[in-house]
N, C-alpha and C. Protein backbone atom coordinates (compact mmCIF):
# COMPACT_ATOMS: atom_id res chain seq x y z
N MET A 1 0.87 -1.07 0.30
CA MET A 1 0.09 0.03 -0.06
C MET A 1 0.58 1.33 0.04
N GLU A 2 2.09 1.14 0.95
CA GLU A 2 3.00 2.73 1.11
C GLU A 2 3.62 2.31 -0.53
N GLU A 3 3.87 1.57 -1.00
CA GLU A 3 4.81 1.48 -2.32
C GLU A 3 4.02 2.29 -3.60
N PHE A 4 2.79 1.49 -3.50
CA PHE A 4 1.17 2.16 -4.63
C PHE A 4 0.81 3.85 -3.93
N GLY A 5 0.64 3.61 -2.95
CA GLY A 5 0.34 5.01 -2.46
C GLY A 5 -1.54 4.88 -2.47
N ILE A 6 -1.56 3.35 -2.20
CA ILE A 6 -2.97 3.10 -1.65
C ILE A 6 -3.30 3.40 -0.03
N ARG A 7 -3.93 4.49 0.05
CA ARG A 7 -4.57 4.76 1.50
C ARG A 7 -5.10 3.60 2.23
N TYR A 8 -5.79 3.33 1.92
CA TYR A 8 -7.33 2.34 2.40
C TYR A 8 -7.58 1.01 1.38
N ALA A 9 -7.78 0.25 2.80
CA ALA A 9 -8.13 -1.03 1.63
C ALA A 9 -9.34 -2.17 2.79
N VAL A 10 -10.01 -2.45 1.97
CA VAL A 10 -10.87 -3.46 2.76
C VAL A 10 -10.49 -5.25 2.51
N LEU A 11 -10.13 -5.74 4.11
CA LEU A 11 -9.69 -6.90 3.92
C LEU A 11 -10.82 -7.59 3.95
N ILE A 12 -10.67 -9.04 2.80
CA ILE A 12 -11.81 -9.50 3.58
C ILE A 12 -11.23 -11.64 3.80
N ASN A 13 -11.65 -11.60 5.01
CA ASN A 13 -11.42 -13.16 5.64
C ASN A 13 -11.74 -14.23 4.95
N PRO A 14 -10.13 -15.01 4.56
CA PRO A 14 -10.35 -15.67 3.48
C PRO A 14 -11.02 -17.13 4.57
N ARG A 15 -11.56 -18.73 3.71
CA ARG A 15 -12.01 -19.25 3.98
C ARG A 15 -11.22 -20.17 4.82
N TYR A 16 -9.96 -20.26 5.09
CA TYR A 16 -9.03 -21.29 5.67
C TYR A 16 -9.68 -21.15 7.21
N TYR A 17 -10.31 -19.78 8.07
CA TYR A 17 -10.45 -19.84 9.12
C TYR A 17 -11.84 -20.19 9.39
N GLY A 18 -12.89 -20.94 8.76
CA GLY A 18 -14.04 -21.40 8.77
C GLY A 18 -14.72 -19.96 9.15
N TRP A 19 -15.42 -19.75 10.44
CA TRP A 19 -16.57 -18.86 10.94
C TRP A 19 -15.60 -17.74 11.74
N ASP A 20 -14.62 -18.53 12.10
CA ASP A 20 -13.44 -17.75 12.69
C ASP A 20 -12.65 -16.35 12.20
N ASN A 21 -13.29 -15.31 12.25
CA ASN A 21 -12.92 -13.82 11.94
C ASN A 21 -11.82 -13.67 13.05
N SER A 22 -11.56 -13.99 13.77
CA SER A 22 -10.35 -13.46 14.66
C SER A 22 -9.23 -12.62 14.42
N TYR A 23 -8.17 -13.33 13.15
CA TYR A 23 -7.23 -12.80 12.46
C TYR A 23 -7.47 -11.49 11.77
N ILE A 24 -8.41 -11.47 11.17
CA ILE A 24 -9.08 -10.49 10.50
C ILE A 24 -9.43 -8.96 10.99
N ALA A 25 -9.72 -9.10 12.01
CA ALA A 25 -10.27 -8.39 13.31
C ALA A 25 -9.03 -7.80 13.79
N ASP A 26 -8.04 -8.51 14.23
CA ASP A 26 -6.78 -8.51 15.13
C ASP A 26 -6.31 -7.41 13.94
N CYS A 27 -6.02 -7.43 12.59
CA CYS A 27 -5.42 -6.68 11.50
C CYS A 27 -6.04 -5.26 11.64
N ARG A 28 -7.50 -5.72 11.57
CA ARG A 28 -8.25 -4.02 11.29
C ARG A 28 -7.56 -2.82 12.96
N ALA A 29 -7.95 -4.08 13.55
CA ALA A 29 -7.41 -2.87 15.22
C ALA A 29 -5.99 -2.78 15.13
N ARG A 30 -5.29 -3.15 14.55
CA ARG A 30 -3.80 -2.56 14.57
C ARG A 30 -3.79 -2.00 13.58
N TYR A 31 -4.64 -1.82 12.55
CA TYR A 31 -3.90 -0.82 11.45
C TYR A 31 -5.65 0.10 11.32
N PRO A 32 -6.45 0.82 12.35
CA PRO A 32 -7.79 1.46 12.34
C PRO A 32 -7.78 1.98 11.16
N ASP A 33 -6.58 3.10 10.77
CA ASP A 33 -7.09 3.97 9.70
C ASP A 33 -7.08 3.65 8.45
N ARG A 34 -6.33 2.04 8.07
CA ARG A 34 -5.47 1.83 7.06
C ARG A 34 -6.66 0.74 5.80
N PHE A 35 -7.07 0.19 7.47
CA PHE A 35 -8.59 -1.33 7.21
C PHE A 35 -9.93 -1.01 7.84
N VAL A 36 -10.68 -1.68 6.55
CA VAL A 36 -11.52 -1.99 7.22
C VAL A 36 -11.93 -3.64 6.65
N ALA A 37 -12.77 -4.31 7.73
CA ALA A 37 -12.85 -5.81 7.36
C ALA A 37 -14.02 -6.34 7.21
N HIS A 38 -14.21 -7.12 6.30
CA HIS A 38 -15.38 -8.14 6.27
C HIS A 38 -15.02 -9.75 6.55
N GLY A 39 -16.03 -10.16 7.51
CA GLY A 39 -15.59 -11.07 8.02
C GLY A 39 -16.49 -12.28 6.97
N LEU A 40 -16.71 -13.74 7.36
CA LEU A 40 -17.69 -14.75 7.21
C LEU A 40 -18.85 -15.36 7.79
N ILE A 41 -19.87 -15.45 8.38
CA ILE A 41 -20.88 -15.82 8.84
C ILE A 41 -21.52 -17.08 8.22
N ASN A 42 -21.80 -17.97 8.96
CA ASN A 42 -22.43 -19.29 8.52
C ASN A 42 -23.93 -18.79 8.25
N PRO A 43 -24.58 -18.71 6.98
CA PRO A 43 -26.08 -18.84 6.71
C PRO A 43 -26.87 -19.38 6.70
N LEU A 44 -26.36 -20.79 7.32
CA LEU A 44 -27.29 -21.99 8.16
C LEU A 44 -26.83 -21.65 9.50
N ASP A 45 -26.49 -20.90 10.24
CA ASP A 45 -26.10 -20.88 11.62
C ASP A 45 -27.93 -20.41 12.25
N PRO A 46 -28.64 -20.48 12.92
CA PRO A 46 -29.89 -20.48 13.51
C PRO A 46 -29.47 -18.81 14.64
N LYS A 47 -29.10 -18.76 14.88
CA LYS A 47 -27.64 -17.26 15.95
C LYS A 47 -27.05 -16.54 15.14
N ASN A 48 -27.13 -16.65 13.61
CA ASN A 48 -26.06 -16.06 12.62
C ASN A 48 -26.11 -14.44 13.27
N ALA A 49 -27.28 -13.50 13.12
CA ALA A 49 -28.07 -12.29 13.54
C ALA A 49 -26.85 -12.10 15.25
N GLU A 50 -26.90 -12.71 15.59
CA GLU A 50 -25.94 -12.76 16.82
C GLU A 50 -24.85 -12.61 16.85
N GLN A 51 -24.35 -13.48 15.93
CA GLN A 51 -23.21 -13.45 15.36
C GLN A 51 -22.54 -12.19 14.65
N LEU A 52 -23.13 -11.58 13.75
CA LEU A 52 -23.07 -10.57 13.18
C LEU A 52 -23.26 -9.17 13.96
N GLU A 53 -23.91 -9.50 15.02
CA GLU A 53 -23.52 -8.14 16.25
C GLU A 53 -22.73 -8.08 16.77
N TYR A 54 -22.04 -9.30 17.41
CA TYR A 54 -20.31 -9.16 17.78
C TYR A 54 -19.40 -8.97 17.29
N TRP A 55 -19.48 -9.48 15.90
CA TRP A 55 -18.13 -9.38 15.54
C TRP A 55 -18.50 -7.80 14.62
N ILE A 56 -19.56 -7.10 14.63
CA ILE A 56 -19.36 -5.36 13.72
C ILE A 56 -19.33 -4.83 15.44
N ARG A 57 -19.86 -5.05 16.13
CA ARG A 57 -20.07 -4.22 17.54
C ARG A 57 -18.94 -3.84 18.31
N GLU A 58 -18.47 -6.04 18.77
CA GLU A 58 -17.41 -6.27 19.60
C GLU A 58 -16.09 -5.94 19.01
N ARG A 59 -15.84 -6.40 17.70
CA ARG A 59 -14.54 -7.01 17.29
C ARG A 59 -14.65 -5.67 15.57
N GLY A 60 -14.82 -4.33 15.52
CA GLY A 60 -15.19 -4.15 14.65
C GLY A 60 -15.00 -3.96 13.24
N LEU A 61 -15.51 -5.03 12.87
CA LEU A 61 -15.73 -5.54 11.54
C LEU A 61 -17.04 -4.65 10.69
N SER A 62 -17.17 -4.15 9.83
CA SER A 62 -18.00 -3.33 8.46
C SER A 62 -18.89 -4.46 8.44
N GLY A 63 -18.58 -5.82 7.92
CA GLY A 63 -19.70 -6.26 7.13
C GLY A 63 -19.11 -7.66 6.82
N MET A 64 -19.80 -8.44 6.06
CA MET A 64 -19.82 -9.89 6.15
C MET A 64 -19.39 -10.02 4.28
N ARG A 65 -19.15 -11.19 4.25
CA ARG A 65 -18.78 -12.22 2.92
C ARG A 65 -19.98 -13.20 3.25
N LEU A 66 -21.00 -13.38 2.16
CA LEU A 66 -21.16 -14.15 2.00
C LEU A 66 -20.97 -15.10 0.27
N SER A 67 -20.88 -16.59 0.95
CA SER A 67 -21.19 -17.40 -0.51
C SER A 67 -21.90 -18.51 -1.39
N PRO A 68 -22.98 -17.83 -1.72
CA PRO A 68 -23.87 -18.91 -2.36
C PRO A 68 -23.42 -19.47 -3.52
N ILE A 69 -22.25 -19.24 -4.04
CA ILE A 69 -21.95 -19.36 -5.21
C ILE A 69 -21.51 -21.18 -4.89
N TYR A 70 -20.96 -21.05 -3.75
CA TYR A 70 -20.27 -22.57 -3.42
C TYR A 70 -21.54 -23.50 -2.84
N HIS A 71 -22.51 -23.17 -3.35
CA HIS A 71 -23.92 -24.04 -2.67
C HIS A 71 -25.18 -23.86 -3.92
N PRO A 72 -24.61 -23.92 -5.25
CA PRO A 72 -25.86 -23.55 -6.21
C PRO A 72 -27.05 -24.27 -6.06
N GLN A 73 -27.00 -25.24 -5.20
CA GLN A 73 -29.00 -25.55 -5.28
C GLN A 73 -29.41 -25.19 -4.13
N GLN A 74 -28.87 -24.76 -2.95
CA GLN A 74 -29.28 -23.58 -1.59
C GLN A 74 -30.26 -22.39 -2.49
N THR A 75 -31.25 -22.43 -1.20
CA THR A 75 -31.83 -21.27 -1.52
C THR A 75 -31.83 -20.67 0.05
N TRP A 76 -31.04 -20.82 0.81
CA TRP A 76 -30.91 -20.05 2.05
C TRP A 76 -30.59 -18.86 1.71
N LEU A 77 -30.41 -17.98 0.35
CA LEU A 77 -30.25 -16.55 0.55
C LEU A 77 -30.71 -15.82 0.70
N ASN A 78 -32.16 -16.59 0.37
CA ASN A 78 -33.38 -15.52 0.76
C ASN A 78 -34.61 -16.32 1.62
N SER A 79 -34.09 -17.18 2.31
CA SER A 79 -34.87 -17.97 3.16
C SER A 79 -35.35 -17.03 3.98
N PRO A 80 -36.59 -16.86 4.43
CA PRO A 80 -37.00 -16.16 5.65
C PRO A 80 -36.13 -16.28 6.71
N GLU A 81 -36.17 -17.82 7.19
CA GLU A 81 -34.89 -18.26 8.22
C GLU A 81 -33.74 -16.55 8.27
N ASN A 82 -33.36 -16.48 7.62
CA ASN A 82 -32.05 -15.40 7.24
C ASN A 82 -33.05 -14.41 7.84
N TYR A 83 -34.54 -13.57 7.24
CA TYR A 83 -34.59 -12.40 8.08
C TYR A 83 -34.21 -11.96 8.97
N PRO A 84 -33.90 -12.34 10.34
CA PRO A 84 -33.45 -11.63 11.23
C PRO A 84 -31.65 -11.33 11.28
N LEU A 85 -31.11 -11.86 10.33
CA LEU A 85 -29.52 -11.53 10.14
C LEU A 85 -30.17 -10.59 8.89
N TRP A 86 -30.49 -9.96 8.46
CA TRP A 86 -30.92 -8.89 7.36
C TRP A 86 -31.32 -7.84 8.05
N LYS A 87 -32.08 -8.08 8.90
CA LYS A 87 -32.62 -7.20 10.01
C LYS A 87 -31.41 -6.27 10.68
N LYS A 88 -30.42 -7.37 11.31
CA LYS A 88 -30.21 -6.71 12.17
C LYS A 88 -28.32 -5.95 11.57
N ALA A 89 -28.41 -6.27 10.32
CA ALA A 89 -27.56 -5.76 9.53
C ALA A 89 -27.89 -4.55 8.98
N ALA A 90 -29.45 -4.09 8.80
CA ALA A 90 -29.90 -2.96 8.73
C ALA A 90 -29.51 -2.32 9.85
N THR A 91 -29.58 -2.60 10.78
CA THR A 91 -29.74 -2.09 12.04
C THR A 91 -28.12 -1.36 13.02
N LEU A 92 -27.46 -2.57 12.28
CA LEU A 92 -26.03 -2.33 12.45
C LEU A 92 -25.23 -1.44 11.31
N GLY A 93 -25.95 -1.28 10.26
CA GLY A 93 -25.25 -0.57 9.17
C GLY A 93 -24.29 -1.86 8.12
N ALA A 94 -24.18 -2.64 8.37
CA ALA A 94 -23.02 -3.50 8.31
C ALA A 94 -23.66 -3.93 6.74
N VAL A 95 -22.42 -4.20 5.98
CA VAL A 95 -22.24 -4.87 4.57
C VAL A 95 -21.92 -5.96 4.08
N PHE A 96 -23.12 -5.96 3.24
CA PHE A 96 -22.76 -7.66 2.82
C PHE A 96 -22.18 -7.43 1.20
N ASN A 97 -20.94 -8.53 1.44
CA ASN A 97 -20.42 -8.79 -0.22
C ASN A 97 -20.82 -10.14 -0.75
N PHE A 98 -21.38 -10.42 -1.75
CA PHE A 98 -21.70 -11.73 -2.28
C PHE A 98 -20.65 -12.80 -2.91
N TYR A 99 -20.12 -12.94 -2.96
CA TYR A 99 -19.92 -14.40 -4.02
C TYR A 99 -20.57 -15.36 -4.41
N ILE A 100 -21.12 -14.92 -6.14
CA ILE A 100 -22.67 -15.07 -6.26
C ILE A 100 -22.40 -15.92 -7.91
N ALA A 101 -23.29 -16.84 -8.07
CA ALA A 101 -23.63 -16.86 -9.07
C ALA A 101 -24.53 -16.15 -10.56
N PRO A 102 -24.56 -16.35 -11.23
CA PRO A 102 -25.85 -15.68 -12.32
C PRO A 102 -26.87 -15.80 -11.84
N HIS A 103 -26.92 -17.13 -12.07
CA HIS A 103 -28.43 -17.73 -11.56
C HIS A 103 -28.88 -17.27 -10.22
N GLN A 104 -27.97 -16.76 -9.74
CA GLN A 104 -28.87 -16.63 -7.96
C GLN A 104 -29.44 -15.15 -7.99
N MET A 105 -29.04 -14.39 -8.72
CA MET A 105 -29.66 -13.15 -8.78
C MET A 105 -30.51 -13.12 -8.36
N PRO A 106 -31.53 -13.54 -8.50
CA PRO A 106 -32.83 -13.40 -8.63
C PRO A 106 -33.51 -13.47 -7.00
N GLN A 107 -32.99 -14.04 -6.06
CA GLN A 107 -32.80 -14.75 -5.24
C GLN A 107 -32.24 -12.95 -3.97
N LEU A 108 -31.24 -12.76 -4.68
CA LEU A 108 -30.46 -11.61 -3.70
C LEU A 108 -31.22 -10.35 -4.44
N GLU A 109 -32.17 -10.77 -5.57
CA GLU A 109 -32.68 -8.84 -6.06
C GLU A 109 -34.07 -9.30 -5.23
N ASP A 110 -34.28 -9.88 -4.54
CA ASP A 110 -35.51 -10.32 -3.76
C ASP A 110 -34.65 -9.92 -2.16
N MET A 111 -33.73 -10.02 -1.61
CA MET A 111 -33.55 -9.73 -0.60
C MET A 111 -33.28 -7.88 -0.82
N ALA A 112 -32.50 -7.48 -1.86
CA ALA A 112 -32.07 -6.56 -1.54
C ALA A 112 -33.33 -5.46 -1.85
N LYS A 113 -34.70 -5.85 -2.79
CA LYS A 113 -35.92 -5.41 -2.09
C LYS A 113 -36.32 -5.12 -0.89
N ARG A 114 -36.17 -6.11 -0.24
CA ARG A 114 -36.84 -6.24 0.92
C ARG A 114 -36.38 -6.26 2.39
N PHE A 115 -34.59 -5.87 1.91
CA PHE A 115 -34.01 -4.97 3.33
C PHE A 115 -33.24 -3.70 2.54
N PRO A 116 -33.60 -2.84 1.71
CA PRO A 116 -33.10 -1.35 1.05
C PRO A 116 -32.26 -0.80 1.77
N ARG A 117 -32.08 -1.21 3.21
CA ARG A 117 -31.17 -0.44 3.97
C ARG A 117 -29.70 -0.61 4.12
N VAL A 118 -29.60 -2.18 3.76
CA VAL A 118 -28.84 -2.90 3.89
C VAL A 118 -27.34 -3.02 2.44
N LYS A 119 -26.30 -2.50 2.70
CA LYS A 119 -25.81 -1.91 1.35
C LYS A 119 -24.69 -3.23 0.86
N ILE A 120 -25.39 -3.69 -0.14
CA ILE A 120 -24.62 -4.71 -0.64
C ILE A 120 -23.39 -4.68 -2.19
N VAL A 121 -22.44 -5.40 -1.62
CA VAL A 121 -21.41 -5.49 -3.13
C VAL A 121 -21.59 -6.85 -3.57
N ILE A 122 -21.61 -7.21 -5.26
CA ILE A 122 -21.64 -8.20 -5.54
C ILE A 122 -20.48 -8.08 -5.74
N ASP A 123 -19.54 -9.31 -5.95
CA ASP A 123 -17.74 -9.51 -6.09
C ASP A 123 -17.82 -10.33 -7.37
N HIS A 124 -16.84 -10.49 -8.24
CA HIS A 124 -15.82 -10.36 -9.06
C HIS A 124 -17.29 -10.05 -10.34
N MET A 125 -17.74 -9.15 -10.47
CA MET A 125 -18.45 -9.09 -11.60
C MET A 125 -19.62 -9.88 -11.65
N GLY A 126 -19.73 -10.29 -10.65
CA GLY A 126 -20.79 -11.41 -10.81
C GLY A 126 -20.85 -12.62 -11.36
N LYS A 127 -19.48 -12.98 -11.80
CA LYS A 127 -18.71 -14.08 -12.28
C LYS A 127 -19.43 -14.48 -13.41
N PRO A 128 -18.86 -13.82 -14.67
CA PRO A 128 -19.42 -14.21 -15.38
C PRO A 128 -18.74 -15.33 -16.63
N ASP A 129 -19.69 -16.20 -17.77
CA ASP A 129 -18.98 -17.38 -18.52
C ASP A 129 -19.03 -16.25 -18.87
N VAL A 130 -17.56 -15.82 -19.66
CA VAL A 130 -17.19 -15.26 -21.02
C VAL A 130 -17.30 -15.67 -21.91
N SER A 131 -17.47 -17.01 -22.46
CA SER A 131 -17.64 -17.65 -23.50
C SER A 131 -19.76 -17.73 -24.05
N GLU A 132 -20.32 -16.88 -22.95
CA GLU A 132 -21.35 -17.15 -22.81
C GLU A 132 -22.12 -16.59 -24.33
N PRO A 133 -22.95 -16.93 -25.10
CA PRO A 133 -23.17 -15.96 -26.74
C PRO A 133 -24.46 -15.16 -26.33
N ARG A 134 -23.88 -13.92 -27.04
CA ARG A 134 -24.93 -12.41 -26.86
C ARG A 134 -26.64 -13.24 -27.22
N PRO A 135 -27.23 -12.45 -26.68
CA PRO A 135 -27.77 -11.24 -25.40
C PRO A 135 -27.24 -11.96 -24.31
N TYR A 136 -26.54 -12.77 -23.60
CA TYR A 136 -25.98 -13.33 -22.48
C TYR A 136 -27.06 -13.06 -21.58
N PRO A 137 -28.12 -13.93 -21.79
CA PRO A 137 -29.53 -14.43 -21.27
C PRO A 137 -29.09 -14.68 -19.22
N ILE A 138 -27.83 -15.68 -19.38
CA ILE A 138 -27.44 -15.67 -17.75
C ILE A 138 -27.14 -14.64 -16.79
N PHE A 139 -25.87 -13.88 -17.79
CA PHE A 139 -24.91 -13.37 -17.40
C PHE A 139 -26.46 -12.21 -16.58
N SER A 140 -27.00 -11.60 -17.58
CA SER A 140 -27.58 -10.73 -17.67
C SER A 140 -28.70 -10.89 -16.17
N LYS A 141 -29.55 -11.71 -15.65
CA LYS A 141 -30.25 -11.86 -14.58
C LYS A 141 -29.36 -10.53 -13.76
N LEU A 142 -27.74 -10.61 -13.57
CA LEU A 142 -27.16 -9.55 -12.87
C LEU A 142 -27.55 -7.44 -12.86
N LEU A 143 -28.41 -7.53 -13.98
CA LEU A 143 -28.62 -6.09 -14.61
C LEU A 143 -29.66 -5.71 -14.23
N PRO A 144 -30.75 -6.80 -12.84
CA PRO A 144 -32.07 -5.82 -12.46
C PRO A 144 -31.53 -5.36 -11.20
N LEU A 145 -30.45 -5.63 -11.07
CA LEU A 145 -30.25 -5.31 -9.51
C LEU A 145 -29.82 -3.79 -9.99
N ALA A 146 -29.09 -3.23 -10.47
CA ALA A 146 -28.75 -1.85 -11.01
C ALA A 146 -29.88 -1.11 -10.52
N LYS A 147 -31.48 -1.42 -10.56
CA LYS A 147 -32.47 -0.67 -9.85
C LYS A 147 -32.22 -0.32 -8.72
N CYS A 148 -31.56 -1.19 -8.31
CA CYS A 148 -31.53 -0.84 -6.57
C CYS A 148 -30.46 -0.29 -5.62
N SER A 149 -31.11 0.71 -5.25
CA SER A 149 -30.12 1.62 -4.65
C SER A 149 -28.90 1.16 -3.79
N ASN A 150 -29.40 -0.05 -3.12
CA ASN A 150 -28.39 -0.47 -2.46
C ASN A 150 -27.21 -1.18 -2.74
N VAL A 151 -27.09 -1.61 -4.26
CA VAL A 151 -26.19 -2.59 -4.40
C VAL A 151 -25.32 -1.79 -5.38
N TRP A 152 -24.37 -2.61 -5.09
CA TRP A 152 -22.77 -1.70 -5.73
C TRP A 152 -22.38 -3.27 -6.81
N VAL A 153 -21.46 -2.85 -7.46
CA VAL A 153 -20.76 -4.66 -8.40
C VAL A 153 -19.05 -4.41 -8.07
N SER A 154 -18.08 -5.02 -7.41
CA SER A 154 -16.96 -5.12 -8.20
C SER A 154 -16.33 -5.61 -8.98
N ALA A 155 -15.62 -4.51 -9.66
CA ALA A 155 -15.00 -5.58 -11.27
C ALA A 155 -14.00 -5.79 -10.67
N SER A 156 -13.64 -6.69 -9.92
CA SER A 156 -12.04 -7.13 -9.52
C SER A 156 -12.17 -8.70 -10.59
N GLU A 157 -10.76 -8.98 -10.44
CA GLU A 157 -9.89 -10.26 -10.69
C GLU A 157 -10.59 -10.61 -12.15
N PRO A 158 -10.39 -9.72 -13.23
CA PRO A 158 -10.80 -10.46 -14.52
C PRO A 158 -9.96 -11.71 -14.89
N TYR A 159 -8.88 -11.57 -14.39
CA TYR A 159 -7.90 -13.11 -14.70
C TYR A 159 -8.65 -14.26 -14.28
N GLU A 160 -9.65 -14.67 -13.76
CA GLU A 160 -10.54 -15.61 -13.29
C GLU A 160 -11.43 -15.92 -13.74
N ASP A 161 -12.05 -15.11 -14.78
CA ASP A 161 -13.34 -14.85 -15.65
C ASP A 161 -12.51 -15.18 -17.05
N SER A 162 -11.55 -14.70 -17.47
CA SER A 162 -10.77 -15.04 -18.81
C SER A 162 -10.76 -15.92 -19.21
N LYS A 163 -10.85 -16.82 -20.75
CA LYS A 163 -10.70 -18.00 -21.45
C LYS A 163 -8.85 -17.52 -22.03
N THR A 164 -9.10 -15.94 -22.18
CA THR A 164 -7.04 -16.24 -23.09
C THR A 164 -6.44 -16.12 -21.98
N LYS A 165 -6.22 -15.54 -20.86
CA LYS A 165 -5.69 -15.57 -19.47
C LYS A 165 -4.24 -14.44 -20.13
N GLU A 166 -5.05 -13.42 -21.14
CA GLU A 166 -3.92 -12.89 -21.63
C GLU A 166 -4.53 -11.08 -21.49
N TYR A 167 -3.03 -10.68 -20.23
CA TYR A 167 -3.27 -9.23 -19.89
C TYR A 167 -3.60 -8.17 -21.32
N PRO A 168 -4.49 -7.45 -21.16
CA PRO A 168 -5.67 -7.04 -20.07
C PRO A 168 -7.15 -8.04 -20.34
N TYR A 169 -7.43 -9.00 -20.73
CA TYR A 169 -8.38 -9.79 -20.83
C TYR A 169 -9.12 -9.33 -21.51
N ARG A 170 -9.64 -8.48 -22.01
CA ARG A 170 -10.49 -7.84 -23.07
C ARG A 170 -11.67 -8.88 -23.55
N ASP A 171 -11.20 -10.26 -23.52
CA ASP A 171 -12.46 -11.32 -23.45
C ASP A 171 -14.01 -10.92 -21.83
N THR A 172 -13.29 -10.24 -20.97
CA THR A 172 -14.53 -9.64 -20.05
C THR A 172 -14.87 -8.42 -20.06
N PHE A 173 -14.49 -7.80 -21.32
CA PHE A 173 -14.84 -6.10 -21.03
C PHE A 173 -16.40 -6.00 -21.72
N PRO A 174 -16.94 -7.13 -22.81
CA PRO A 174 -18.15 -6.93 -23.16
C PRO A 174 -19.16 -6.77 -21.85
N PHE A 175 -18.74 -7.46 -20.44
CA PHE A 175 -19.35 -7.61 -18.98
C PHE A 175 -19.10 -6.42 -19.06
N LEU A 176 -18.03 -6.35 -18.36
CA LEU A 176 -17.76 -4.69 -17.87
C LEU A 176 -18.63 -3.53 -18.68
N LYS A 177 -18.67 -3.23 -19.88
CA LYS A 177 -19.32 -2.31 -20.41
C LYS A 177 -20.59 -2.51 -20.13
N MET A 178 -21.09 -3.82 -19.89
CA MET A 178 -22.33 -3.70 -19.56
C MET A 178 -22.90 -3.30 -17.76
N ILE A 179 -21.81 -3.75 -17.23
CA ILE A 179 -21.82 -3.01 -15.77
C ILE A 179 -22.05 -1.52 -16.09
N TYR A 180 -21.00 -1.42 -16.33
CA TYR A 180 -21.19 0.34 -16.44
C TYR A 180 -22.34 1.45 -17.28
N GLU A 181 -22.89 0.35 -17.96
CA GLU A 181 -23.76 1.20 -18.99
C GLU A 181 -25.17 0.60 -17.47
N HIS A 182 -25.65 -0.09 -17.17
CA HIS A 182 -26.48 -0.31 -16.35
C HIS A 182 -26.14 -0.11 -14.74
N PHE A 183 -25.20 0.73 -13.78
CA PHE A 183 -24.94 0.90 -12.58
C PHE A 183 -24.37 1.41 -12.80
N GLY A 184 -23.69 2.52 -14.09
CA GLY A 184 -23.33 3.93 -13.65
C GLY A 184 -21.68 3.59 -12.86
N PRO A 185 -20.80 4.52 -12.97
CA PRO A 185 -19.46 4.37 -12.90
C PRO A 185 -19.17 4.52 -10.96
N GLU A 186 -20.15 5.41 -11.01
CA GLU A 186 -20.74 5.85 -9.27
C GLU A 186 -20.92 3.89 -7.85
N LYS A 187 -21.19 3.17 -9.31
CA LYS A 187 -21.68 1.76 -8.38
C LYS A 187 -20.71 0.91 -8.76
N MET A 188 -19.68 1.14 -9.57
CA MET A 188 -18.54 0.25 -9.22
C MET A 188 -17.50 0.55 -8.29
N ILE A 189 -17.01 -1.06 -7.77
CA ILE A 189 -15.58 -1.21 -6.99
C ILE A 189 -14.43 -1.47 -7.87
N TRP A 190 -13.64 -0.87 -7.58
CA TRP A 190 -11.67 -1.76 -8.01
C TRP A 190 -11.69 -2.56 -6.81
N GLY A 191 -11.11 -3.72 -7.28
CA GLY A 191 -11.30 -4.49 -5.98
C GLY A 191 -10.12 -5.07 -6.76
N THR A 192 -9.04 -5.94 -5.82
CA THR A 192 -8.17 -7.43 -6.05
C THR A 192 -7.89 -8.49 -4.98
N GLY A 193 -7.29 -9.07 -5.84
CA GLY A 193 -6.88 -10.32 -5.14
C GLY A 193 -5.29 -9.95 -4.20
N TYR A 194 -4.84 -11.37 -3.64
CA TYR A 194 -3.49 -10.64 -2.92
C TYR A 194 -2.69 -10.50 -3.83
N PRO A 195 -1.89 -9.25 -4.07
CA PRO A 195 -1.44 -8.88 -5.24
C PRO A 195 -0.03 -9.24 -5.54
N ARG A 196 1.09 -10.06 -4.26
CA ARG A 196 2.10 -10.45 -4.63
C ARG A 196 2.52 -10.81 -3.39
N PRO A 197 2.86 -12.65 -3.83
CA PRO A 197 3.10 -12.86 -4.84
C PRO A 197 2.52 -14.19 -5.49
N ARG A 198 1.44 -14.06 -4.88
CA ARG A 198 0.09 -15.45 -5.00
C ARG A 198 -0.71 -15.15 -6.45
N TRP A 199 -0.99 -14.18 -6.60
CA TRP A 199 -2.11 -13.93 -7.56
C TRP A 199 -1.51 -13.41 -8.64
N GLU A 200 -1.76 -13.33 -10.29
CA GLU A 200 -1.80 -13.56 -11.75
C GLU A 200 -0.54 -12.21 -11.89
N LEU A 201 -1.18 -11.14 -10.99
CA LEU A 201 -0.99 -9.84 -11.25
C LEU A 201 -0.42 -9.19 -10.41
N PRO A 202 0.97 -8.29 -10.41
CA PRO A 202 1.24 -7.46 -9.50
C PRO A 202 0.55 -6.24 -9.33
N MET A 203 0.98 -5.65 -8.13
CA MET A 203 0.14 -4.32 -8.14
C MET A 203 0.19 -3.23 -9.43
N ASP A 204 1.43 -3.30 -9.85
CA ASP A 204 0.96 -2.23 -11.17
C ASP A 204 0.64 -2.64 -11.96
N LEU A 205 -0.10 -3.61 -12.59
CA LEU A 205 -0.51 -4.01 -13.52
C LEU A 205 -1.52 -4.09 -13.13
N GLU A 206 -2.28 -4.19 -11.46
CA GLU A 206 -3.61 -4.31 -11.61
C GLU A 206 -4.46 -2.99 -11.49
N LEU A 207 -3.50 -2.05 -10.92
CA LEU A 207 -3.98 -0.33 -10.81
C LEU A 207 -3.82 -0.15 -12.50
N GLN A 208 -3.09 -0.31 -13.47
CA GLN A 208 -2.74 -0.01 -14.83
C GLN A 208 -4.31 -0.65 -15.65
N LEU A 209 -4.62 -2.44 -14.98
CA LEU A 209 -5.70 -2.45 -15.67
C LEU A 209 -6.76 -1.82 -15.22
N VAL A 210 -6.76 -0.70 -14.61
CA VAL A 210 -7.99 0.06 -14.05
C VAL A 210 -8.79 1.21 -15.61
N ALA A 211 -7.04 1.51 -15.68
CA ALA A 211 -7.18 2.79 -17.12
C ALA A 211 -7.63 2.07 -18.37
N TYR A 212 -7.03 0.03 -18.55
CA TYR A 212 -7.61 -0.46 -19.84
C TYR A 212 -9.09 -0.08 -19.82
N GLN A 213 -9.58 -0.66 -18.48
CA GLN A 213 -11.30 -0.82 -18.73
C GLN A 213 -11.67 0.36 -18.62
């Protein structure tokens, strides 16, 4: 961050620790002027609203990441059992970010409209299949959420979706263009995976990619 002039970062807890967000909460507490943090929460825990309150109020997290993409056949995303979780998020001002597949977008749209005070970020452009032919009927399930004032889209890690794997990943550009045209630049968020050494791009190319897009 110092090297590239990045003032703030959002930390997302990885899955390695299960539902224990202690490590990322400690990182945020050490550098409160540099980091905000999102943890993980079990969508099937009947006490997840209480867990959310603990991590937000007691440990300083700003929100939670939910990953329905790993559960493609389940419907917990908009299940009434999770209404208390969303009500608590609205009360706390918590942000929910979603790693989600395109076919699950209608469930998220339901919750976005039902709980308009909960801020929602859709990660990784909604995971488009860049081989999908025009007019992109599956990916287009994301686009109605542009009408929800509480939904943003993170245009992050296009190299994960690209089939060519060639920088600057032009085969993802049509999907970025659709997001831009529907959501507008104010509701698009830049994001990156850990830049070095694990991921495909060092930070200088990650930042340059924004200019290409």
